[in-house]
Amino acid sequence: MFLLFAYLPQSQAASCPDWQSLASRNIEQWLAEPGVGRSRAEQLRAFFAHEEVLAVVGERRRLAIEGF
């Protein structure tokens, strides 16, 4: 989860929605967030689609860890 906060604007990190809501956002939805420009929106989409992140999320779900 630490990596996620490195990419989120402070306003988003303070009251973070659930993982699935964040992971399913498209670039336009990220652009609607204050402080998120095109580059950051693309970074966020890449982060949520990254193979290693998806593997970690899958493991957390398998272990029934809340939030994933």
C-alpha atoms as a PDB file:
ATOM      1  CA  MET A   1       0.000   0.000   0.000  1.00  0.00           C
ATOM      2  CA  PHE A   2       2.943   2.340   0.605  1.00  0.00           C
ATOM      3  CA  LEU A   3       3.675   2.554  -3.122  1.00  0.00           C
ATOM      4  CA  LEU A   4       0.119   3.627  -3.798  1.00  0.00           C
ATOM      5  CA  PHE A   5       0.478   6.682  -1.588  1.00  0.00           C
ATOM      6  CA  ALA A   6       3.628   7.710  -3.438  1.00  0.00           C
ATOM      7  CA  TYR A   7       1.502   8.169  -6.567  1.00  0.00           C
ATOM      8  CA  LEU A   8      -1.683   9.619  -5.092  1.00  0.00           C
ATOM      9  CA  PRO A   9      -2.133  13.342  -4.506  1.00  0.00           C
ATOM     10  CA  GLN A  10      -2.350  14.192  -0.795  1.00  0.00           C
ATOM     11  CA  SER A  11      -6.054  15.030  -1.064  1.00  0.00           C
ATOM     12  CA  GLN A  12      -6.738  11.513  -2.369  1.00  0.00           C
ATOM     13  CA  ALA A  13      -4.480   9.649   0.064  1.00  0.00           C
ATOM     14  CA  ALA A  14      -6.157  11.189   3.108  1.00  0.00           C
ATOM     15  CA  SER A  15      -9.542   9.598   2.392  1.00  0.00           C
ATOM     16  CA  CYS A  16      -8.599   6.790   0.073  1.00  0.00           C
ATOM     17  CA  PRO A  17     -11.431   4.850  -1.583  1.00  0.00           C
ATOM     18  CA  ASP A  18     -11.224   1.073  -1.732  1.00  0.00           C
ATOM     19  CA  TRP A  19      -8.608  -0.555  -3.938  1.00  0.00           C
ATOM     20  CA  GLN A  20     -11.027  -1.747  -6.614  1.00  0.00           C
ATOM     21  CA  SER A  21     -12.458   1.742  -7.064  1.00  0.00           C
ATOM     22  CA  LEU A  22      -8.987   3.177  -7.577  1.00  0.00           C
ATOM     23  CA  ALA A  23      -7.771   0.329  -9.799  1.00  0.00           C
ATOM     24  CA  SER A  24     -10.757   0.603 -12.111  1.00  0.00           C
ATOM     25  CA  ARG A  25     -10.355   4.320 -12.829  1.00  0.00           C
ATOM     26  CA  ASN A  26      -9.426   5.387 -16.325  1.00  0.00           C
ATOM     27  CA  ILE A  27      -7.159   8.296 -17.200  1.00  0.00           C
ATOM     28  CA  GLU A  28     -10.061  10.732 -17.565  1.00  0.00           C
ATOM     29  CA  GLN A  29     -11.308   9.860 -14.076  1.00  0.00           C
ATOM     30  CA  TRP A  30      -7.833  10.429 -12.633  1.00  0.00           C
ATOM     31  CA  LEU A  31      -7.603  13.755 -14.493  1.00  0.00           C
ATOM     32  CA  ALA A  32     -10.773  14.869 -12.700  1.00  0.00           C
ATOM     33  CA  GLU A  33      -8.915  14.667  -9.371  1.00  0.00           C
ATOM     34  CA  PRO A  34      -7.380  17.920  -8.120  1.00  0.00           C
ATOM     35  CA  GLY A  35      -3.632  17.980  -8.657  1.00  0.00           C
ATOM     36  CA  VAL A  36      -3.573  15.113 -11.163  1.00  0.00           C
ATOM     37  CA  GLY A  37      -2.238  15.988 -14.583  1.00  0.00           C
ATOM     38  CA  ARG A  38      -1.809  13.814 -17.666  1.00  0.00           C
ATOM     39  CA  SER A  39       1.567  12.423 -16.577  1.00  0.00           C
ATOM     40  CA  ARG A  40       0.375  11.484 -13.078  1.00  0.00           C
ATOM     41  CA  ALA A  41      -2.844   9.967 -14.468  1.00  0.00           C
ATOM     42  CA  GLU A  42      -0.790   7.778 -16.800  1.00  0.00           C
ATOM     43  CA  GLN A  43       1.498   6.779 -13.918  1.00  0.00           C
ATOM     44  CA  LEU A  44      -1.489   5.787 -11.813  1.00  0.00           C
ATOM     45  CA  ARG A  45      -2.995   3.660 -14.595  1.00  0.00           C
ATOM     46  CA  ALA A  46       0.388   1.999 -15.148  1.00  0.00           C
ATOM     47  CA  PHE A  47       0.790   1.340 -11.429  1.00  0.00           C
ATOM     48  CA  PHE A  48      -2.601  -0.347 -11.063  1.00  0.00           C
ATOM     49  CA  ALA A  49      -1.973  -2.439 -14.198  1.00  0.00           C
ATOM     50  CA  HIS A  50       1.600  -3.443 -13.308  1.00  0.00           C
ATOM     51  CA  GLU A  51       2.215  -7.187 -13.218  1.00  0.00           C
ATOM     52  CA  GLU A  52       3.837  -7.146  -9.768  1.00  0.00           C
ATOM     53  CA  VAL A  53       1.097  -5.000  -8.254  1.00  0.00           C
ATOM     54  CA  LEU A  54      -1.556  -7.322  -9.686  1.00  0.00           C
ATOM     55  CA  ALA A  55       0.283 -10.308  -8.172  1.00  0.00           C
ATOM     56  CA  VAL A  56       0.374  -8.693  -4.729  1.00  0.00           C
ATOM     57  CA  VAL A  57      -3.303  -7.749  -4.958  1.00  0.00           C
ATOM     58  CA  GLY A  58      -4.180 -11.311  -5.978  1.00  0.00           C
ATOM     59  CA  GLU A  59      -2.313 -12.686  -2.981  1.00  0.00           C
ATOM     60  CA  ARG A  60      -4.039 -10.237  -0.621  1.00  0.00           C
ATOM     61  CA  ARG A  61      -7.420 -11.265  -2.015  1.00  0.00           C
ATOM     62  CA  ARG A  62      -6.544 -14.950  -1.675  1.00  0.00           C
ATOM     63  CA  LEU A  63      -5.723 -14.305   1.973  1.00  0.00           C
ATOM     64  CA  ALA A  64      -9.011 -12.370   2.358  1.00  0.00           C
ATOM     65  CA  ILE A  65      -7.240  -9.197   3.477  1.00  0.00           C
ATOM     66  CA  GLU A  66      -9.767  -6.413   3.750  1.00  0.00           C
ATOM     67  CA  GLY A  67      -9.458  -3.630   1.198  1.00  0.00           C
ATOM     68  CA  PHE A  68      -8.485  -5.775  -1.771  1.00  0.00           C
END
